[in-house]
Amino acid sequence: MIEQSLLEELENIVPAGERSDFMNEAVEEKLAHIGRKKAYEYIKEFKKAQKKSWSNKEILKFIHEGRK
């Protein structure tokens, strides 16, 4: 249910013939935002799970591996 104050503000600002489109766009934007936020959290957790601390020996081996 839409709060009364929001409904009144919507009626005052958005013309009658455009309110449905306005609400559809607002909901679509919010859903996209939620999707991006979930994707960001997934990526962040994935990166955290994949993070590995390398020893100096492993780092040097990796760096010099391509030089052989």
PDB file of N, CA and C in Angstrom:
ATOM      1  N   MET A   1       0.843  -1.175   0.000  1.00  0.00           N
ATOM      2  CA  MET A   1       0.000   0.000   0.000  1.00  0.00           C
ATOM      3  C   MET A   1       0.893   1.243   0.000  1.00  0.00           C
ATOM      4  N   ILE A   2       0.550   2.195  -0.821  1.00  0.00           N
ATOM      5  CA  ILE A   2       1.301   3.442  -0.914  1.00  0.00           C
ATOM      6  C   ILE A   2       0.884   4.362   0.224  1.00  0.00           C
ATOM      7  N   GLU A   3       1.874   4.968   0.885  1.00  0.00           N
ATOM      8  CA  GLU A   3       1.583   5.902   1.968  1.00  0.00           C
ATOM      9  C   GLU A   3       0.799   7.095   1.414  1.00  0.00           C
ATOM     10  N   GLN A   4      -0.100   7.609   2.219  1.00  0.00           N
ATOM     11  CA  GLN A   4      -0.970   8.711   1.802  1.00  0.00           C
ATOM     12  C   GLN A   4      -0.162   9.939   1.392  1.00  0.00           C
ATOM     13  N   SER A   5       0.887  10.254   2.149  1.00  0.00           N
ATOM     14  CA  SER A   5       1.692  11.440   1.824  1.00  0.00           C
ATOM     15  C   SER A   5       2.388  11.280   0.470  1.00  0.00           C
ATOM     16  N   LEU A   6       2.862  10.060   0.169  1.00  0.00           N
ATOM     17  CA  LEU A   6       3.494   9.823  -1.130  1.00  0.00           C
ATOM     18  C   LEU A   6       2.479   9.911  -2.262  1.00  0.00           C
ATOM     19  N   LEU A   7       1.295   9.380  -2.022  1.00  0.00           N
ATOM     20  CA  LEU A   7       0.240   9.433  -3.027  1.00  0.00           C
ATOM     21  C   LEU A   7      -0.144  10.881  -3.335  1.00  0.00           C
ATOM     22  N   GLU A   8      -0.271  11.688  -2.292  1.00  0.00           N
ATOM     23  CA  GLU A   8      -0.615  13.105  -2.496  1.00  0.00           C
ATOM     24  C   GLU A   8       0.480  13.825  -3.265  1.00  0.00           C
ATOM     25  N   GLU A   9       1.742  13.551  -2.921  1.00  0.00           N
ATOM     26  CA  GLU A   9       2.851  14.188  -3.628  1.00  0.00           C
ATOM     27  C   GLU A   9       2.887  13.750  -5.091  1.00  0.00           C
ATOM     28  N   LEU A  10       2.636  12.452  -5.336  1.00  0.00           N
ATOM     29  CA  LEU A  10       2.577  11.938  -6.699  1.00  0.00           C
ATOM     30  C   LEU A  10       1.477  12.640  -7.491  1.00  0.00           C
ATOM     31  N   GLU A  11       0.300  12.794  -6.894  1.00  0.00           N
ATOM     32  CA  GLU A  11      -0.820  13.450  -7.572  1.00  0.00           C
ATOM     33  C   GLU A  11      -0.526  14.907  -7.864  1.00  0.00           C
ATOM     34  N   ASN A  12       0.246  15.564  -6.992  1.00  0.00           N
ATOM     35  CA  ASN A  12       0.567  16.986  -7.183  1.00  0.00           C
ATOM     36  C   ASN A  12       1.655  17.201  -8.239  1.00  0.00           C
ATOM     37  N   ILE A  13       2.559  16.239  -8.370  1.00  0.00           N
ATOM     38  CA  ILE A  13       3.720  16.433  -9.246  1.00  0.00           C
ATOM     39  C   ILE A  13       3.545  15.796 -10.618  1.00  0.00           C
ATOM     40  N   VAL A  14       3.013  14.573 -10.669  1.00  0.00           N
ATOM     41  CA  VAL A  14       2.934  13.827 -11.925  1.00  0.00           C
ATOM     42  C   VAL A  14       1.518  13.933 -12.497  1.00  0.00           C
ATOM     43  N   PRO A  15       1.394  14.365 -13.752  1.00  0.00           N
ATOM     44  CA  PRO A  15       0.068  14.485 -14.370  1.00  0.00           C
ATOM     45  C   PRO A  15      -0.675  13.139 -14.393  1.00  0.00           C
ATOM     46  N   ALA A  16      -1.988  13.194 -14.369  1.00  0.00           N
ATOM     47  CA  ALA A  16      -2.839  11.999 -14.265  1.00  0.00           C
ATOM     48  C   ALA A  16      -2.535  10.956 -15.333  1.00  0.00           C
ATOM     49  N   GLY A  17      -2.295  11.329 -16.540  1.00  0.00           N
ATOM     50  CA  GLY A  17      -2.066  10.368 -17.615  1.00  0.00           C
ATOM     51  C   GLY A  17      -0.681   9.727 -17.600  1.00  0.00           C
ATOM     52  N   GLU A  18       0.208  10.226 -16.734  1.00  0.00           N
ATOM     53  CA  GLU A  18       1.581   9.736 -16.713  1.00  0.00           C
ATOM     54  C   GLU A  18       1.924   8.949 -15.449  1.00  0.00           C
ATOM     55  N   ARG A  19       1.002   8.841 -14.514  1.00  0.00           N
ATOM     56  CA  ARG A  19       1.304   8.220 -13.217  1.00  0.00           C
ATOM     57  C   ARG A  19       1.625   6.730 -13.331  1.00  0.00           C
ATOM     58  N   SER A  20       0.907   6.017 -14.161  1.00  0.00           N
ATOM     59  CA  SER A  20       1.146   4.579 -14.308  1.00  0.00           C
ATOM     60  C   SER A  20       2.538   4.335 -14.864  1.00  0.00           C
ATOM     61  N   ASP A  21       2.907   5.072 -15.908  1.00  0.00           N
ATOM     62  CA  ASP A  21       4.251   4.942 -16.482  1.00  0.00           C
ATOM     63  C   ASP A  21       5.317   5.321 -15.460  1.00  0.00           C
ATOM     64  N   PHE A  22       5.041   6.374 -14.700  1.00  0.00           N
ATOM     65  CA  PHE A  22       5.976   6.820 -13.666  1.00  0.00           C
ATOM     66  C   PHE A  22       6.213   5.722 -12.631  1.00  0.00           C
ATOM     67  N   MET A  23       5.140   5.103 -12.162  1.00  0.00           N
ATOM     68  CA  MET A  23       5.244   4.044 -11.162  1.00  0.00           C
ATOM     69  C   MET A  23       5.946   2.812 -11.734  1.00  0.00           C
ATOM     70  N   ASN A  24       5.631   2.463 -12.985  1.00  0.00           N
ATOM     71  CA  ASN A  24       6.294   1.319 -13.619  1.00  0.00           C
ATOM     72  C   ASN A  24       7.804   1.539 -13.725  1.00  0.00           C
ATOM     73  N   GLU A  25       8.205   2.740 -14.126  1.00  0.00           N
ATOM     74  CA  GLU A  25       9.625   3.061 -14.230  1.00  0.00           C
ATOM     75  C   GLU A  25      10.294   3.038 -12.864  1.00  0.00           C
ATOM     76  N   ALA A  26       9.625   3.552 -11.848  1.00  0.00           N
ATOM     77  CA  ALA A  26      10.192   3.563 -10.496  1.00  0.00           C
ATOM     78  C   ALA A  26      10.401   2.145  -9.977  1.00  0.00           C
ATOM     79  N   VAL A  27       9.423   1.289 -10.183  1.00  0.00           N
ATOM     80  CA  VAL A  27       9.545  -0.101  -9.732  1.00  0.00           C
ATOM     81  C   VAL A  27      10.642  -0.815 -10.516  1.00  0.00           C
ATOM     82  N   GLU A  28      10.701  -0.580 -11.821  1.00  0.00           N
ATOM     83  CA  GLU A  28      11.720  -1.199 -12.656  1.00  0.00           C
ATOM     84  C   GLU A  28      13.131  -0.780 -12.207  1.00  0.00           C
ATOM     85  N   GLU A  29      13.311   0.509 -11.917  1.00  0.00           N
ATOM     86  CA  GLU A  29      14.604   1.008 -11.452  1.00  0.00           C
ATOM     87  C   GLU A  29      14.978   0.390 -10.111  1.00  0.00           C
ATOM     88  N   LYS A  30      14.023   0.276  -9.208  1.00  0.00           N
ATOM     89  CA  LYS A  30      14.287  -0.305  -7.892  1.00  0.00           C
ATOM     90  C   LYS A  30      14.655  -1.782  -8.020  1.00  0.00           C
ATOM     91  N   LEU A  31      13.958  -2.522  -8.857  1.00  0.00           N
ATOM     92  CA  LEU A  31      14.276  -3.935  -9.067  1.00  0.00           C
ATOM     93  C   LEU A  31      15.675  -4.105  -9.666  1.00  0.00           C
ATOM     94  N   ALA A  32      16.028  -3.237 -10.599  1.00  0.00           N
ATOM     95  CA  ALA A  32      17.367  -3.289 -11.193  1.00  0.00           C
ATOM     96  C   ALA A  32      18.420  -2.994 -10.131  1.00  0.00           C
ATOM     97  N   HIS A  33      18.138  -2.026  -9.272  1.00  0.00           N
ATOM     98  CA  HIS A  33      19.058  -1.676  -8.185  1.00  0.00           C
ATOM     99  C   HIS A  33      19.260  -2.860  -7.242  1.00  0.00           C
ATOM    100  N   ILE A  34      18.179  -3.528  -6.890  1.00  0.00           N
ATOM    101  CA  ILE A  34      18.261  -4.698  -6.008  1.00  0.00           C
ATOM    102  C   ILE A  34      19.080  -5.798  -6.679  1.00  0.00           C
ATOM    103  N   GLY A  35      18.864  -6.005  -7.974  1.00  0.00           N
ATOM    104  CA  GLY A  35      19.626  -7.010  -8.713  1.00  0.00           C
ATOM    105  C   GLY A  35      21.113  -6.695  -8.740  1.00  0.00           C
ATOM    106  N   ARG A  36      21.457  -5.418  -8.973  1.00  0.00           N
ATOM    107  CA  ARG A  36      22.860  -5.018  -8.977  1.00  0.00           C
ATOM    108  C   ARG A  36      23.484  -5.193  -7.596  1.00  0.00           C
ATOM    109  N   LYS A  37      22.717  -4.862  -6.566  1.00  0.00           N
ATOM    110  CA  LYS A  37      23.215  -4.990  -5.193  1.00  0.00           C
ATOM    111  C   LYS A  37      23.487  -6.459  -4.850  1.00  0.00           C
ATOM    112  N   LYS A  38      22.581  -7.355  -5.257  1.00  0.00           N
ATOM    113  CA  LYS A  38      22.773  -8.787  -5.015  1.00  0.00           C
ATOM    114  C   LYS A  38      23.992  -9.295  -5.777  1.00  0.00           C
ATOM    115  N   ALA A  39      24.146  -8.855  -7.025  1.00  0.00           N
ATOM    116  CA  ALA A  39      25.292  -9.280  -7.831  1.00  0.00           C
ATOM    117  C   ALA A  39      26.593  -8.797  -7.204  1.00  0.00           C
ATOM    118  N   TYR A  40      26.606  -7.567  -6.720  1.00  0.00           N
ATOM    119  CA  TYR A  40      27.797  -7.011  -6.070  1.00  0.00           C
ATOM    120  C   TYR A  40      28.153  -7.829  -4.830  1.00  0.00           C
ATOM    121  N   GLU A  41      27.158  -8.148  -4.008  1.00  0.00           N
ATOM    122  CA  GLU A  41      27.405  -8.935  -2.799  1.00  0.00           C
ATOM    123  C   GLU A  41      27.926 -10.322  -3.153  1.00  0.00           C
ATOM    124  N   TYR A  42      27.373 -10.926  -4.200  1.00  0.00           N
ATOM    125  CA  TYR A  42      27.835 -12.246  -4.641  1.00  0.00           C
ATOM    126  C   TYR A  42      29.297 -12.185  -5.076  1.00  0.00           C
ATOM    127  N   ILE A  43      29.628 -11.184  -5.871  1.00  0.00           N
ATOM    128  CA  ILE A  43      31.000 -11.034  -6.350  1.00  0.00           C
ATOM    129  C   ILE A  43      31.943 -10.781  -5.190  1.00  0.00           C
ATOM    130  N   LYS A  44      31.528  -9.939  -4.261  1.00  0.00           N
ATOM    131  CA  LYS A  44      32.351  -9.626  -3.098  1.00  0.00           C
ATOM    132  C   LYS A  44      32.626 -10.886  -2.270  1.00  0.00           C
ATOM    133  N   GLU A  45      31.597 -11.692  -2.040  1.00  0.00           N
ATOM    134  CA  GLU A  45      31.769 -12.933  -1.281  1.00  0.00           C
ATOM    135  C   GLU A  45      32.620 -13.938  -2.051  1.00  0.00           C
ATOM    136  N   PHE A  46      32.434 -13.996  -3.367  1.00  0.00           N
ATOM    137  CA  PHE A  46      33.232 -14.894  -4.196  1.00  0.00           C
ATOM    138  C   PHE A  46      34.705 -14.527  -4.129  1.00  0.00           C
ATOM    139  N   LYS A  47      34.988 -13.228  -4.244  1.00  0.00           N
ATOM    140  CA  LYS A  47      36.369 -12.759  -4.177  1.00  0.00           C
ATOM    141  C   LYS A  47      36.979 -13.083  -2.817  1.00  0.00           C
ATOM    142  N   LYS A  48      36.193 -12.894  -1.769  1.00  0.00           N
ATOM    143  CA  LYS A  48      36.683 -13.178  -0.428  1.00  0.00           C
ATOM    144  C   LYS A  48      37.005 -14.661  -0.283  1.00  0.00           C
ATOM    145  N   ALA A  49      36.160 -15.521  -0.833  1.00  0.00           N
ATOM    146  CA  ALA A  49      36.372 -16.968  -0.745  1.00  0.00           C
ATOM    147  C   ALA A  49      37.578 -17.402  -1.569  1.00  0.00           C
ATOM    148  N   GLN A  50      37.859 -16.712  -2.658  1.00  0.00           N
ATOM    149  CA  GLN A  50      38.958 -17.085  -3.550  1.00  0.00           C
ATOM    150  C   GLN A  50      40.290 -16.471  -3.134  1.00  0.00           C
ATOM    151  N   LYS A  51      40.232 -15.506  -2.241  1.00  0.00           N
ATOM    152  CA  LYS A  51      41.446 -14.800  -1.859  1.00  0.00           C
ATOM    153  C   LYS A  51      42.436 -15.764  -1.196  1.00  0.00           C
ATOM    154  N   LYS A  52      43.651 -15.701  -1.654  1.00  0.00           N
ATOM    155  CA  LYS A  52      44.688 -16.569  -1.124  1.00  0.00           C
ATOM    156  C   LYS A  52      45.896 -15.716  -0.778  1.00  0.00           C
ATOM    157  N   SER A  53      46.476 -16.004   0.333  1.00  0.00           N
ATOM    158  CA  SER A  53      47.713 -15.323   0.693  1.00  0.00           C
ATOM    159  C   SER A  53      48.866 -16.117   0.111  1.00  0.00           C
ATOM    160  N   TRP A  54      49.659 -15.466  -0.679  1.00  0.00           N
ATOM    161  CA  TRP A  54      50.795 -16.128  -1.306  1.00  0.00           C
ATOM    162  C   TRP A  54      52.058 -15.820  -0.498  1.00  0.00           C
ATOM    163  N   SER A  55      52.923 -16.785  -0.447  1.00  0.00           N
ATOM    164  CA  SER A  55      54.216 -16.569   0.197  1.00  0.00           C
ATOM    165  C   SER A  55      55.111 -15.805  -0.779  1.00  0.00           C
ATOM    166  N   ASN A  56      56.192 -15.252  -0.252  1.00  0.00           N
ATOM    167  CA  ASN A  56      57.139 -14.544  -1.123  1.00  0.00           C
ATOM    168  C   ASN A  56      57.702 -15.486  -2.181  1.00  0.00           C
ATOM    169  N   LYS A  57      57.967 -16.723  -1.779  1.00  0.00           N
ATOM    170  CA  LYS A  57      58.508 -17.723  -2.711  1.00  0.00           C
ATOM    171  C   LYS A  57      57.529 -17.977  -3.859  1.00  0.00           C
ATOM    172  N   GLU A  58      56.233 -18.109  -3.535  1.00  0.00           N
ATOM    173  CA  GLU A  58      55.215 -18.341  -4.573  1.00  0.00           C
ATOM    174  C   GLU A  58      55.092 -17.141  -5.503  1.00  0.00           C
ATOM    175  N   ILE A  59      55.170 -15.946  -4.959  1.00  0.00           N
ATOM    176  CA  ILE A  59      55.071 -14.728  -5.777  1.00  0.00           C
ATOM    177  C   ILE A  59      56.238 -14.655  -6.748  1.00  0.00           C
ATOM    178  N   LEU A  60      57.427 -14.875  -6.242  1.00  0.00           N
ATOM    179  CA  LEU A  60      58.608 -14.828  -7.110  1.00  0.00           C
ATOM    180  C   LEU A  60      58.553 -15.914  -8.174  1.00  0.00           C
ATOM    181  N   LYS A  61      58.114 -17.102  -7.810  1.00  0.00           N
ATOM    182  CA  LYS A  61      57.992 -18.198  -8.776  1.00  0.00           C
ATOM    183  C   LYS A  61      57.014 -17.813  -9.890  1.00  0.00           C
ATOM    184  N   PHE A  62      55.873 -17.199  -9.509  1.00  0.00           N
ATOM    185  CA  PHE A  62      54.875 -16.787 -10.486  1.00  0.00           C
ATOM    186  C   PHE A  62      55.427 -15.709 -11.413  1.00  0.00           C
ATOM    187  N   ILE A  63      56.126 -14.755 -10.854  1.00  0.00           N
ATOM    188  CA  ILE A  63      56.677 -13.650 -11.643  1.00  0.00           C
ATOM    189  C   ILE A  63      57.724 -14.166 -12.645  1.00  0.00           C
ATOM    190  N   HIS A  64      58.578 -15.049 -12.186  1.00  0.00           N
ATOM    191  CA  HIS A  64      59.665 -15.540 -13.030  1.00  0.00           C
ATOM    192  C   HIS A  64      59.258 -16.671 -13.953  1.00  0.00           C
ATOM    193  N   GLU A  65      58.089 -17.228 -13.753  1.00  0.00           N
ATOM    194  CA  GLU A  65      57.631 -18.352 -14.570  1.00  0.00           C
ATOM    195  C   GLU A  65      57.579 -18.022 -16.051  1.00  0.00           C
ATOM    196  N   GLY A  66      57.143 -16.833 -16.391  1.00  0.00           N
ATOM    197  CA  GLY A  66      57.039 -16.440 -17.783  1.00  0.00           C
ATOM    198  C   GLY A  66      58.369 -16.120 -18.437  1.00  0.00           C
ATOM    199  N   ARG A  67      59.406 -16.012 -17.668  1.00  0.00           N
ATOM    200  CA  ARG A  67      60.728 -15.639 -18.206  1.00  0.00           C
ATOM    201  C   ARG A  67      61.523 -16.842 -18.707  1.00  0.00           C
ATOM    202  N   LYS A  68      61.076 -18.027 -18.416  1.00  0.00           N
ATOM    203  CA  LYS A  68      61.831 -19.242 -18.792  1.00  0.00           C
ATOM    204  C   LYS A  68      61.721 -19.532 -20.253  1.00  0.00           C
TER     205      LYS A  68
END
